[in-house]
Amino acid sequence: MKDFLKKREVTLVGLIALLFLAVSLRSPAFASLGNLTDILNDTALLIMVGLAQYLVILTGGIDLSVASIMGLSGMCAALVNKLDPTMPIPLVVLIALGAGLAMGAFNGTLVGLAGISSIIATLGTISIYRGAIFLMSGGEWISAHEMTEGFRMIPDAKFLGVSAIIWYMVLVVLLFAWFMNLTRTGREIYALGGNKTAAKYVGIKDKKVNFLVFSLSGLVSGFAGLLYVARYAAAQNDTASGFELATVAACVIGGVSIAGGSGTVMGVVLGAIFLGIINNALTVINLSPFFQMAIQGFVILAAIVANTIMAQRSERLALARRVL
């Protein structure tokens, strides 16, 4: 029972409940079904891209280009929809997925095959992908009136009274849970992040795994970029700018070790929901949105400190058991 209560997911559920209660007491409208639905709709994209980031962080790397991939994939889809409104929506979706996968594979080639540090490689591709957005669009936006209704309804279509973006998020979460917990490749990702040297000795190919995680990160980010542009009915040069910080925050808050090898899908989901509630609460209690970035930074720092303390405590307990 004590071990269960010490799990990060249980702690997060408690913090979310306390935060929810505190804000509800200040503003009862916060607890309304409509507002809760808005929070889940707003957080769905963060959950999806947070899981993409989680894959990379598990290997001990980081993908700083997820927001740029979202922006370029969304712009590709919006441009195609604008230039050929008769193109079937499934084909538009495939174009966005293909663009995201291609960019992720390029990152994976730099990191996995060329051996470049992930932070250096993705710092470079941030500028490449943002520059490509500008060149592709000519510096112009694509607005709602230039998009077809079918395109705009991709994230907003209702099924059983629930918007499609939530169903997409649920599907992505289930696929990640299956992949990480029930496949050999998922276990290899954990093993590589936990101990690269030991992983090599048991036959895990780090280049292959790194290429795979960045490719999957790009694929999910590409899909999220399409949903982002369609939901807000605007494709801009700075689409999703700053989103990469939020994805790292969701992972770290959810208990994913920034050094790799440790973390869960549910932890990332709860971390994203925690951030979503904070961002929504700031609006409900009439605090400036400029507080959001500062609060995210503070929460990341606090989570990293908590993760470090917990890791050191676990090491001391393991050492004590060996001595005994």
C-alpha atoms as a PDB file:
ATOM      1  CA  MET A   1       0.000   0.000   0.000  1.00  0.00           C
ATOM      2  CA  LYS A   2       2.854   2.390   0.865  1.00  0.00           C
ATOM      3  CA  ASP A   3       4.558   1.713  -2.483  1.00  0.00           C
ATOM      4  CA  PHE A   4       1.300   2.432  -4.301  1.00  0.00           C
ATOM      5  CA  LEU A   5       0.854   5.757  -2.518  1.00  0.00           C
ATOM      6  CA  LYS A   6       4.428   6.754  -3.398  1.00  0.00           C
ATOM      7  CA  LYS A   7       3.825   6.411  -7.141  1.00  0.00           C
ATOM      8  CA  ARG A   8       4.012   9.661  -9.096  1.00  0.00           C
ATOM      9  CA  GLU A   9       0.673   8.991 -10.794  1.00  0.00           C
ATOM     10  CA  VAL A  10      -1.127   8.745  -7.434  1.00  0.00           C
ATOM     11  CA  THR A  11       0.526  11.949  -6.236  1.00  0.00           C
ATOM     12  CA  LEU A  12      -0.498  13.723  -9.430  1.00  0.00           C
ATOM     13  CA  VAL A  13      -4.100  12.607  -9.111  1.00  0.00           C
ATOM     14  CA  GLY A  14      -4.106  14.065  -5.584  1.00  0.00           C
ATOM     15  CA  LEU A  15      -2.573  17.353  -6.759  1.00  0.00           C
ATOM     16  CA  ILE A  16      -5.052  17.617  -9.622  1.00  0.00           C
ATOM     17  CA  ALA A  17      -7.943  17.023  -7.210  1.00  0.00           C
ATOM     18  CA  LEU A  18      -6.634  19.692  -4.791  1.00  0.00           C
ATOM     19  CA  LEU A  19      -6.058  22.194  -7.599  1.00  0.00           C
ATOM     20  CA  PHE A  20      -9.504  21.493  -9.005  1.00  0.00           C
ATOM     21  CA  LEU A  21     -11.112  21.999  -5.595  1.00  0.00           C
ATOM     22  CA  ALA A  22      -9.191  25.216  -4.858  1.00  0.00           C
ATOM     23  CA  VAL A  23     -10.087  26.847  -8.178  1.00  0.00           C
ATOM     24  CA  SER A  24     -13.711  25.661  -7.941  1.00  0.00           C
ATOM     25  CA  LEU A  25     -14.072  27.350  -4.561  1.00  0.00           C
ATOM     26  CA  ARG A  26     -12.791  30.587  -6.084  1.00  0.00           C
ATOM     27  CA  SER A  27     -14.915  30.253  -9.221  1.00  0.00           C
ATOM     28  CA  PRO A  28     -17.763  27.668  -9.226  1.00  0.00           C
ATOM     29  CA  ALA A  29     -18.033  27.930 -13.031  1.00  0.00           C
ATOM     30  CA  PHE A  30     -14.691  26.150 -13.264  1.00  0.00           C
ATOM     31  CA  ALA A  31     -16.348  22.860 -12.263  1.00  0.00           C
ATOM     32  CA  SER A  32     -19.078  23.061 -14.911  1.00  0.00           C
ATOM     33  CA  LEU A  33     -19.313  20.259 -17.457  1.00  0.00           C
ATOM     34  CA  GLY A  34     -18.770  22.727 -20.294  1.00  0.00           C
ATOM     35  CA  ASN A  35     -15.534  24.019 -18.805  1.00  0.00           C
ATOM     36  CA  LEU A  36     -14.244  20.518 -18.060  1.00  0.00           C
ATOM     37  CA  THR A  37     -14.932  19.572 -21.673  1.00  0.00           C
ATOM     38  CA  ASP A  38     -13.035  22.661 -22.817  1.00  0.00           C
ATOM     39  CA  ILE A  39     -10.066  21.674 -20.645  1.00  0.00           C
ATOM     40  CA  LEU A  40      -9.991  18.194 -22.154  1.00  0.00           C
ATOM     41  CA  ASN A  41     -10.310  19.569 -25.700  1.00  0.00           C
ATOM     42  CA  ASP A  42      -7.508  22.064 -25.051  1.00  0.00           C
ATOM     43  CA  THR A  43      -5.287  19.434 -23.427  1.00  0.00           C
ATOM     44  CA  ALA A  44      -5.759  16.693 -26.032  1.00  0.00           C
ATOM     45  CA  LEU A  45      -3.023  18.040 -28.315  1.00  0.00           C
ATOM     46  CA  LEU A  46      -0.599  18.463 -25.413  1.00  0.00           C
ATOM     47  CA  ILE A  47      -1.202  14.857 -24.370  1.00  0.00           C
ATOM     48  CA  MET A  48      -0.494  13.574 -27.876  1.00  0.00           C
ATOM     49  CA  VAL A  49       2.664  15.596 -28.474  1.00  0.00           C
ATOM     50  CA  GLY A  50       3.723  15.039 -24.849  1.00  0.00           C
ATOM     51  CA  LEU A  51       3.696  11.298 -25.560  1.00  0.00           C
ATOM     52  CA  ALA A  52       5.797  11.901 -28.675  1.00  0.00           C
ATOM     53  CA  GLN A  53       8.310  13.795 -26.530  1.00  0.00           C
ATOM     54  CA  TYR A  54       8.141  11.044 -23.896  1.00  0.00           C
ATOM     55  CA  LEU A  55       9.422   8.470 -26.395  1.00  0.00           C
ATOM     56  CA  VAL A  56      12.505  10.548 -27.116  1.00  0.00           C
ATOM     57  CA  ILE A  57      13.189  11.485 -23.488  1.00  0.00           C
ATOM     58  CA  LEU A  58      13.030   7.808 -22.487  1.00  0.00           C
ATOM     59  CA  THR A  59      16.121   7.189 -24.631  1.00  0.00           C
ATOM     60  CA  GLY A  60      17.963  10.017 -22.886  1.00  0.00           C
ATOM     61  CA  GLY A  61      17.384  12.530 -25.697  1.00  0.00           C
ATOM     62  CA  ILE A  62      15.048  15.442 -26.319  1.00  0.00           C
ATOM     63  CA  ASP A  63      13.127  16.659 -29.374  1.00  0.00           C
ATOM     64  CA  LEU A  64      12.995  20.454 -29.453  1.00  0.00           C
ATOM     65  CA  SER A  65      11.504  20.468 -32.945  1.00  0.00           C
ATOM     66  CA  VAL A  66       8.052  19.014 -32.146  1.00  0.00           C
ATOM     67  CA  ALA A  67       6.365  22.432 -32.330  1.00  0.00           C
ATOM     68  CA  SER A  68       8.077  23.252 -35.646  1.00  0.00           C
ATOM     69  CA  ILE A  69       6.992  19.898 -37.056  1.00  0.00           C
ATOM     70  CA  MET A  70       3.432  20.708 -35.961  1.00  0.00           C
ATOM     71  CA  GLY A  71       3.619  24.067 -37.686  1.00  0.00           C
ATOM     72  CA  LEU A  72       5.033  22.782 -40.991  1.00  0.00           C
ATOM     73  CA  SER A  73       2.725  19.742 -41.144  1.00  0.00           C
ATOM     74  CA  GLY A  74      -0.289  21.918 -40.408  1.00  0.00           C
ATOM     75  CA  MET A  75       0.762  24.417 -43.066  1.00  0.00           C
ATOM     76  CA  CYS A  76       1.211  21.622 -45.643  1.00  0.00           C
ATOM     77  CA  ALA A  77      -2.294  20.320 -44.949  1.00  0.00           C
ATOM     78  CA  ALA A  78      -3.853  23.803 -44.986  1.00  0.00           C
ATOM     79  CA  LEU A  79      -2.141  24.765 -48.256  1.00  0.00           C
ATOM     80  CA  VAL A  80      -3.260  21.565 -49.964  1.00  0.00           C
ATOM     81  CA  ASN A  81      -6.813  22.127 -48.736  1.00  0.00           C
ATOM     82  CA  LYS A  82      -6.729  25.720 -49.971  1.00  0.00           C
ATOM     83  CA  LEU A  83      -5.284  24.914 -53.402  1.00  0.00           C
ATOM     84  CA  ASP A  84      -7.503  21.872 -54.002  1.00  0.00           C
ATOM     85  CA  PRO A  85     -10.712  22.066 -51.911  1.00  0.00           C
ATOM     86  CA  THR A  86     -12.032  18.923 -53.629  1.00  0.00           C
ATOM     87  CA  MET A  87      -9.219  16.735 -52.306  1.00  0.00           C
ATOM     88  CA  PRO A  88     -10.621  14.047 -49.948  1.00  0.00           C
ATOM     89  CA  ILE A  89      -9.977  14.808 -46.280  1.00  0.00           C
ATOM     90  CA  PRO A  90      -8.354  11.387 -45.623  1.00  0.00           C
ATOM     91  CA  LEU A  91      -5.736  12.250 -48.245  1.00  0.00           C
ATOM     92  CA  VAL A  92      -5.110  15.625 -46.575  1.00  0.00           C
ATOM     93  CA  VAL A  93      -4.602  13.783 -43.282  1.00  0.00           C
ATOM     94  CA  LEU A  94      -2.119  11.413 -44.947  1.00  0.00           C
ATOM     95  CA  ILE A  95      -0.167  14.400 -46.308  1.00  0.00           C
ATOM     96  CA  ALA A  96       0.151  15.863 -42.810  1.00  0.00           C
ATOM     97  CA  LEU A  97       1.186  12.473 -41.400  1.00  0.00           C
ATOM     98  CA  GLY A  98       3.708  11.990 -44.196  1.00  0.00           C
ATOM     99  CA  ALA A  99       5.209  15.430 -43.642  1.00  0.00           C
ATOM    100  CA  GLY A 100       5.548  14.802 -39.906  1.00  0.00           C
ATOM    101  CA  LEU A 101       7.054  11.363 -40.461  1.00  0.00           C
ATOM    102  CA  ALA A 102       9.581  12.730 -42.976  1.00  0.00           C
ATOM    103  CA  MET A 103      10.732  15.459 -40.585  1.00  0.00           C
ATOM    104  CA  GLY A 104      10.921  13.013 -37.697  1.00  0.00           C
ATOM    105  CA  ALA A 105      12.919  10.585 -39.837  1.00  0.00           C
ATOM    106  CA  PHE A 106      15.320  13.407 -40.738  1.00  0.00           C
ATOM    107  CA  ASN A 107      15.822  14.102 -37.023  1.00  0.00           C
ATOM    108  CA  GLY A 108      16.297  10.375 -36.453  1.00  0.00           C
ATOM    109  CA  THR A 109      18.911  10.222 -39.188  1.00  0.00           C
ATOM    110  CA  LEU A 110      20.878  13.068 -37.608  1.00  0.00           C
ATOM    111  CA  VAL A 111      20.689  11.604 -34.109  1.00  0.00           C
ATOM    112  CA  GLY A 112      20.516   7.859 -34.658  1.00  0.00           C
ATOM    113  CA  LEU A 113      22.651   7.391 -37.752  1.00  0.00           C
ATOM    114  CA  ALA A 114      24.962  10.429 -37.768  1.00  0.00           C
ATOM    115  CA  GLY A 115      25.428  10.352 -33.984  1.00  0.00           C
ATOM    116  CA  ILE A 116      24.686  14.054 -33.417  1.00  0.00           C
ATOM    117  CA  SER A 117      23.444  15.047 -29.974  1.00  0.00           C
ATOM    118  CA  SER A 118      19.641  15.267 -29.981  1.00  0.00           C
ATOM    119  CA  ILE A 119      19.567  18.756 -28.475  1.00  0.00           C
ATOM    120  CA  ILE A 120      21.996  20.068 -31.109  1.00  0.00           C
ATOM    121  CA  ALA A 121      20.289  18.298 -34.007  1.00  0.00           C
ATOM    122  CA  THR A 122      16.774  19.458 -33.126  1.00  0.00           C
ATOM    123  CA  LEU A 123      17.936  22.987 -32.340  1.00  0.00           C
ATOM    124  CA  GLY A 124      19.092  23.089 -35.945  1.00  0.00           C
ATOM    125  CA  THR A 125      15.959  21.561 -37.415  1.00  0.00           C
ATOM    126  CA  ILE A 126      13.766  24.041 -35.518  1.00  0.00           C
ATOM    127  CA  SER A 127      15.091  26.802 -37.783  1.00  0.00           C
ATOM    128  CA  ILE A 128      14.960  24.614 -40.888  1.00  0.00           C
ATOM    129  CA  TYR A 129      11.316  23.679 -40.403  1.00  0.00           C
ATOM    130  CA  ARG A 130      10.221  27.188 -39.384  1.00  0.00           C
ATOM    131  CA  GLY A 131      12.019  28.594 -42.399  1.00  0.00           C
ATOM    132  CA  ALA A 132      10.273  26.046 -44.618  1.00  0.00           C
ATOM    133  CA  ILE A 133       6.898  27.224 -43.295  1.00  0.00           C
ATOM    134  CA  PHE A 134       7.728  30.796 -44.274  1.00  0.00           C
ATOM    135  CA  LEU A 135       8.972  29.804 -47.743  1.00  0.00           C
ATOM    136  CA  MET A 136       5.995  27.562 -48.384  1.00  0.00           C
ATOM    137  CA  SER A 137       3.406  30.130 -47.327  1.00  0.00           C
ATOM    138  CA  GLY A 138       5.213  33.194 -48.635  1.00  0.00           C
ATOM    139  CA  GLY A 139       4.901  34.661 -45.147  1.00  0.00           C
ATOM    140  CA  GLU A 140       1.110  34.711 -45.376  1.00  0.00           C
ATOM    141  CA  TRP A 141      -1.500  33.128 -43.114  1.00  0.00           C
ATOM    142  CA  ILE A 142      -4.198  30.731 -44.194  1.00  0.00           C
ATOM    143  CA  SER A 143      -7.410  31.707 -42.436  1.00  0.00           C
ATOM    144  CA  ALA A 144     -10.764  30.039 -41.768  1.00  0.00           C
ATOM    145  CA  HIS A 145     -12.462  31.376 -44.937  1.00  0.00           C
ATOM    146  CA  GLU A 146      -9.757  29.703 -47.053  1.00  0.00           C
ATOM    147  CA  MET A 147     -10.355  26.285 -45.482  1.00  0.00           C
ATOM    148  CA  THR A 148     -13.181  23.916 -46.356  1.00  0.00           C
ATOM    149  CA  GLU A 149     -15.764  23.031 -43.753  1.00  0.00           C
ATOM    150  CA  GLY A 150     -14.668  19.393 -43.875  1.00  0.00           C
ATOM    151  CA  PHE A 151     -11.099  20.431 -43.030  1.00  0.00           C
ATOM    152  CA  ARG A 152     -12.189  22.587 -40.088  1.00  0.00           C
ATOM    153  CA  MET A 153     -14.383  19.770 -38.777  1.00  0.00           C
ATOM    154  CA  ILE A 154     -11.535  17.219 -38.533  1.00  0.00           C
ATOM    155  CA  PRO A 155     -11.034  17.874 -34.787  1.00  0.00           C
ATOM    156  CA  ASP A 156     -14.540  19.142 -34.007  1.00  0.00           C
ATOM    157  CA  ALA A 157     -16.814  16.477 -35.504  1.00  0.00           C
ATOM    158  CA  LYS A 158     -18.942  14.830 -32.805  1.00  0.00           C
ATOM    159  CA  PHE A 159     -19.218  11.104 -32.077  1.00  0.00           C
ATOM    160  CA  LEU A 160     -21.424   9.984 -29.184  1.00  0.00           C
ATOM    161  CA  GLY A 161     -21.508  13.621 -28.115  1.00  0.00           C
ATOM    162  CA  VAL A 162     -17.714  13.823 -27.787  1.00  0.00           C
ATOM    163  CA  SER A 163     -15.498  15.827 -30.143  1.00  0.00           C
ATOM    164  CA  ALA A 164     -13.220  13.936 -32.510  1.00  0.00           C
ATOM    165  CA  ILE A 165     -10.042  15.463 -31.056  1.00  0.00           C
ATOM    166  CA  ILE A 166     -10.715  13.664 -27.756  1.00  0.00           C
ATOM    167  CA  TRP A 167     -11.284  10.360 -29.554  1.00  0.00           C
ATOM    168  CA  TYR A 168      -8.015  10.836 -31.447  1.00  0.00           C
ATOM    169  CA  MET A 169      -6.239  11.520 -28.159  1.00  0.00           C
ATOM    170  CA  VAL A 170      -7.697   8.397 -26.547  1.00  0.00           C
ATOM    171  CA  LEU A 171      -6.594   6.320 -29.540  1.00  0.00           C
ATOM    172  CA  VAL A 172      -3.039   7.699 -29.371  1.00  0.00           C
ATOM    173  CA  VAL A 173      -2.856   7.033 -25.605  1.00  0.00           C
ATOM    174  CA  LEU A 174      -4.039   3.431 -26.046  1.00  0.00           C
ATOM    175  CA  LEU A 175      -1.574   2.807 -28.877  1.00  0.00           C
ATOM    176  CA  PHE A 176       1.302   4.205 -26.820  1.00  0.00           C
ATOM    177  CA  ALA A 177       0.300   2.142 -23.776  1.00  0.00           C
ATOM    178  CA  TRP A 178       0.231  -1.001 -25.910  1.00  0.00           C
ATOM    179  CA  PHE A 179       3.492  -0.193 -27.676  1.00  0.00           C
ATOM    180  CA  MET A 180       5.470   0.658 -24.547  1.00  0.00           C
ATOM    181  CA  ASN A 181       4.158  -2.116 -22.295  1.00  0.00           C
ATOM    182  CA  LEU A 182       3.431  -5.034 -24.591  1.00  0.00           C
ATOM    183  CA  THR A 183       6.030  -4.935 -27.365  1.00  0.00           C
ATOM    184  CA  ARG A 184       9.698  -5.838 -27.445  1.00  0.00           C
ATOM    185  CA  THR A 185      10.603  -2.503 -29.030  1.00  0.00           C
ATOM    186  CA  GLY A 186       8.950  -0.649 -26.162  1.00  0.00           C
ATOM    187  CA  ARG A 187      11.057  -2.555 -23.649  1.00  0.00           C
ATOM    188  CA  GLU A 188      14.167  -1.850 -25.727  1.00  0.00           C
ATOM    189  CA  ILE A 189      13.447   1.893 -25.527  1.00  0.00           C
ATOM    190  CA  TYR A 190      13.299   1.703 -21.741  1.00  0.00           C
ATOM    191  CA  ALA A 191      16.459  -0.417 -21.630  1.00  0.00           C
ATOM    192  CA  LEU A 192      18.422   1.948 -23.873  1.00  0.00           C
ATOM    193  CA  GLY A 193      17.529   4.950 -21.739  1.00  0.00           C
ATOM    194  CA  GLY A 194      18.239   3.099 -18.503  1.00  0.00           C
ATOM    195  CA  ASN A 195      21.721   1.868 -19.392  1.00  0.00           C
ATOM    196  CA  LYS A 196      23.105   2.371 -22.892  1.00  0.00           C
ATOM    197  CA  THR A 197      26.166   0.201 -22.324  1.00  0.00           C
ATOM    198  CA  ALA A 198      24.201  -2.758 -20.963  1.00  0.00           C
ATOM    199  CA  ALA A 199      21.642  -2.353 -23.770  1.00  0.00           C
ATOM    200  CA  LYS A 200      24.368  -2.697 -26.391  1.00  0.00           C
ATOM    201  CA  TYR A 201      25.708  -5.841 -24.721  1.00  0.00           C
ATOM    202  CA  VAL A 202      22.323  -7.549 -24.953  1.00  0.00           C
ATOM    203  CA  GLY A 203      22.015  -6.713 -28.636  1.00  0.00           C
ATOM    204  CA  ILE A 204      19.853  -3.581 -28.642  1.00  0.00           C
ATOM    205  CA  LYS A 205      20.780  -1.405 -31.616  1.00  0.00           C
ATOM    206  CA  ASP A 206      20.795   2.173 -30.343  1.00  0.00           C
ATOM    207  CA  LYS A 207      20.915   3.714 -33.836  1.00  0.00           C
ATOM    208  CA  LYS A 208      17.797   1.838 -34.881  1.00  0.00           C
ATOM    209  CA  VAL A 209      15.919   2.712 -31.690  1.00  0.00           C
ATOM    210  CA  ASN A 210      16.844   6.407 -31.887  1.00  0.00           C
ATOM    211  CA  PHE A 211      15.768   6.580 -35.525  1.00  0.00           C
ATOM    212  CA  LEU A 212      12.481   4.916 -34.629  1.00  0.00           C
ATOM    213  CA  VAL A 213      11.591   7.161 -31.673  1.00  0.00           C
ATOM    214  CA  PHE A 214      12.282  10.372 -33.594  1.00  0.00           C
ATOM    215  CA  SER A 215      10.294   9.092 -36.577  1.00  0.00           C
ATOM    216  CA  LEU A 216       7.333   8.248 -34.341  1.00  0.00           C
ATOM    217  CA  SER A 217       7.679  11.605 -32.597  1.00  0.00           C
ATOM    218  CA  GLY A 218       7.479  13.340 -35.974  1.00  0.00           C
ATOM    219  CA  LEU A 219       4.489  11.242 -37.052  1.00  0.00           C
ATOM    220  CA  VAL A 220       2.462  12.089 -33.944  1.00  0.00           C
ATOM    221  CA  SER A 221       3.534  15.746 -34.058  1.00  0.00           C
ATOM    222  CA  GLY A 222       2.495  15.946 -37.707  1.00  0.00           C
ATOM    223  CA  PHE A 223      -0.978  14.668 -36.880  1.00  0.00           C
ATOM    224  CA  ALA A 224      -1.206  17.073 -33.944  1.00  0.00           C
ATOM    225  CA  GLY A 225      -0.190  19.944 -36.243  1.00  0.00           C
ATOM    226  CA  LEU A 226      -3.065  19.143 -38.576  1.00  0.00           C
ATOM    227  CA  LEU A 227      -5.516  19.088 -35.642  1.00  0.00           C
ATOM    228  CA  TYR A 228      -4.068  22.346 -34.270  1.00  0.00           C
ATOM    229  CA  VAL A 229      -4.479  24.237 -37.548  1.00  0.00           C
ATOM    230  CA  ALA A 230      -7.954  22.822 -38.203  1.00  0.00           C
ATOM    231  CA  ARG A 231      -9.170  23.472 -34.649  1.00  0.00           C
ATOM    232  CA  TYR A 232      -8.039  27.088 -34.545  1.00  0.00           C
ATOM    233  CA  ALA A 233      -8.790  27.597 -38.260  1.00  0.00           C
ATOM    234  CA  ALA A 234      -5.478  29.346 -38.885  1.00  0.00           C
ATOM    235  CA  ALA A 235      -2.150  28.231 -40.338  1.00  0.00           C
ATOM    236  CA  GLN A 236       0.566  30.707 -39.366  1.00  0.00           C
ATOM    237  CA  ASN A 237       4.328  30.964 -39.502  1.00  0.00           C
ATOM    238  CA  ASP A 238       4.480  30.686 -35.709  1.00  0.00           C
ATOM    239  CA  THR A 239       1.870  27.934 -35.298  1.00  0.00           C
ATOM    240  CA  ALA A 240       2.355  26.048 -31.989  1.00  0.00           C
ATOM    241  CA  SER A 241       5.387  28.189 -31.124  1.00  0.00           C
ATOM    242  CA  GLY A 242       6.556  27.362 -27.602  1.00  0.00           C
ATOM    243  CA  PHE A 243       4.659  24.067 -27.517  1.00  0.00           C
ATOM    244  CA  GLU A 244       7.890  22.126 -27.048  1.00  0.00           C
ATOM    245  CA  LEU A 245       8.313  23.595 -23.549  1.00  0.00           C
ATOM    246  CA  ALA A 246       4.831  22.435 -22.578  1.00  0.00           C
ATOM    247  CA  THR A 247       5.554  18.882 -23.796  1.00  0.00           C
ATOM    248  CA  VAL A 248       8.743  18.681 -21.739  1.00  0.00           C
ATOM    249  CA  ALA A 249       6.838  20.047 -18.754  1.00  0.00           C
ATOM    250  CA  ALA A 250       4.101  17.416 -19.137  1.00  0.00           C
ATOM    251  CA  CYS A 251       6.719  14.657 -19.226  1.00  0.00           C
ATOM    252  CA  VAL A 252       8.757  15.880 -16.271  1.00  0.00           C
ATOM    253  CA  ILE A 253       5.690  16.590 -14.149  1.00  0.00           C
ATOM    254  CA  GLY A 254       4.437  13.111 -15.023  1.00  0.00           C
ATOM    255  CA  GLY A 255       7.576  11.525 -13.587  1.00  0.00           C
ATOM    256  CA  VAL A 256       9.562  10.893 -16.776  1.00  0.00           C
ATOM    257  CA  SER A 257      13.256  10.996 -15.926  1.00  0.00           C
ATOM    258  CA  ILE A 258      15.024  13.612 -18.046  1.00  0.00           C
ATOM    259  CA  ALA A 259      18.039  11.260 -18.017  1.00  0.00           C
ATOM    260  CA  GLY A 260      15.958   8.534 -19.671  1.00  0.00           C
ATOM    261  CA  GLY A 261      14.840   5.023 -18.843  1.00  0.00           C
ATOM    262  CA  SER A 262      11.964   5.866 -16.515  1.00  0.00           C
ATOM    263  CA  GLY A 263       8.390   7.092 -16.982  1.00  0.00           C
ATOM    264  CA  THR A 264       4.892   5.952 -17.885  1.00  0.00           C
ATOM    265  CA  VAL A 265       2.237   6.823 -20.433  1.00  0.00           C
ATOM    266  CA  MET A 266      -0.287   7.559 -17.688  1.00  0.00           C
ATOM    267  CA  GLY A 267       2.199   9.866 -15.962  1.00  0.00           C
ATOM    268  CA  VAL A 268       2.517  11.972 -19.129  1.00  0.00           C
ATOM    269  CA  VAL A 269      -1.273  12.091 -19.538  1.00  0.00           C
ATOM    270  CA  LEU A 270      -1.724  13.279 -15.946  1.00  0.00           C
ATOM    271  CA  GLY A 271       1.120  15.781 -16.293  1.00  0.00           C
ATOM    272  CA  ALA A 272      -0.543  17.289 -19.367  1.00  0.00           C
ATOM    273  CA  ILE A 273      -3.924  17.438 -17.618  1.00  0.00           C
ATOM    274  CA  PHE A 274      -2.279  19.150 -14.643  1.00  0.00           C
ATOM    275  CA  LEU A 275      -0.868  21.836 -16.956  1.00  0.00           C
ATOM    276  CA  GLY A 276      -4.187  22.131 -18.764  1.00  0.00           C
ATOM    277  CA  ILE A 277      -6.010  22.794 -15.512  1.00  0.00           C
ATOM    278  CA  ILE A 278      -3.437  25.415 -14.482  1.00  0.00           C
ATOM    279  CA  ASN A 279      -3.724  27.244 -17.817  1.00  0.00           C
ATOM    280  CA  ASN A 280      -7.519  27.161 -17.699  1.00  0.00           C
ATOM    281  CA  ALA A 281      -7.579  28.241 -14.059  1.00  0.00           C
ATOM    282  CA  LEU A 282      -5.506  31.337 -14.820  1.00  0.00           C
ATOM    283  CA  THR A 283      -8.201  32.457 -17.239  1.00  0.00           C
ATOM    284  CA  VAL A 284     -11.072  31.594 -14.907  1.00  0.00           C
ATOM    285  CA  ILE A 285      -9.623  33.558 -11.985  1.00  0.00           C
ATOM    286  CA  ASN A 286      -8.685  36.471 -14.272  1.00  0.00           C
ATOM    287  CA  LEU A 287      -4.910  36.199 -14.054  1.00  0.00           C
ATOM    288  CA  SER A 288      -2.805  37.397 -16.982  1.00  0.00           C
ATOM    289  CA  PRO A 289      -1.878  34.705 -19.548  1.00  0.00           C
ATOM    290  CA  PHE A 290       1.700  35.950 -19.288  1.00  0.00           C
ATOM    291  CA  PHE A 291       1.867  34.050 -16.005  1.00  0.00           C
ATOM    292  CA  GLN A 292       1.498  30.749 -17.867  1.00  0.00           C
ATOM    293  CA  MET A 293       5.074  30.543 -19.143  1.00  0.00           C
ATOM    294  CA  ALA A 294       6.529  31.510 -15.761  1.00  0.00           C
ATOM    295  CA  ILE A 295       4.350  28.988 -13.963  1.00  0.00           C
ATOM    296  CA  GLN A 296       5.295  26.253 -16.442  1.00  0.00           C
ATOM    297  CA  GLY A 297       8.973  27.005 -15.874  1.00  0.00           C
ATOM    298  CA  PHE A 298       8.526  26.917 -12.099  1.00  0.00           C
ATOM    299  CA  VAL A 299       6.582  23.642 -12.265  1.00  0.00           C
ATOM    300  CA  ILE A 300       9.254  22.052 -14.485  1.00  0.00           C
ATOM    301  CA  LEU A 301      11.981  23.083 -12.037  1.00  0.00           C
ATOM    302  CA  ALA A 302      10.005  21.806  -9.053  1.00  0.00           C
ATOM    303  CA  ALA A 303       9.307  18.509 -10.826  1.00  0.00           C
ATOM    304  CA  ILE A 304      12.982  18.031 -11.765  1.00  0.00           C
ATOM    305  CA  VAL A 305      14.013  18.682  -8.162  1.00  0.00           C
ATOM    306  CA  ALA A 306      11.381  16.193  -6.951  1.00  0.00           C
ATOM    307  CA  ASN A 307      12.527  13.596  -9.494  1.00  0.00           C
ATOM    308  CA  THR A 308      16.156  14.055  -8.450  1.00  0.00           C
ATOM    309  CA  ILE A 309      15.353  13.699  -4.753  1.00  0.00           C
ATOM    310  CA  MET A 310      13.285  10.569  -5.395  1.00  0.00           C
ATOM    311  CA  ALA A 311      16.018   9.051  -7.576  1.00  0.00           C
ATOM    312  CA  GLN A 312      18.679   9.720  -4.930  1.00  0.00           C
ATOM    313  CA  ARG A 313      16.432   8.227  -2.255  1.00  0.00           C
ATOM    314  CA  SER A 314      15.886   5.100  -4.351  1.00  0.00           C
ATOM    315  CA  GLU A 315      19.634   4.747  -4.869  1.00  0.00           C
ATOM    316  CA  ARG A 316      20.287   5.046  -1.121  1.00  0.00           C
ATOM    317  CA  LEU A 317      17.630   2.430  -0.339  1.00  0.00           C
ATOM    318  CA  ALA A 318      19.040   0.078  -2.991  1.00  0.00           C
ATOM    319  CA  LEU A 319      22.546   0.519  -1.587  1.00  0.00           C
ATOM    320  CA  ALA A 320      21.278  -0.089   1.952  1.00  0.00           C
ATOM    321  CA  ARG A 321      19.638  -3.347   0.875  1.00  0.00           C
ATOM    322  CA  ARG A 322      22.905  -4.540  -0.723  1.00  0.00           C
ATOM    323  CA  VAL A 323      24.834  -3.749   2.437  1.00  0.00           C
ATOM    324  CA  LEU A 324      22.322  -5.690   4.548  1.00  0.00           C
END
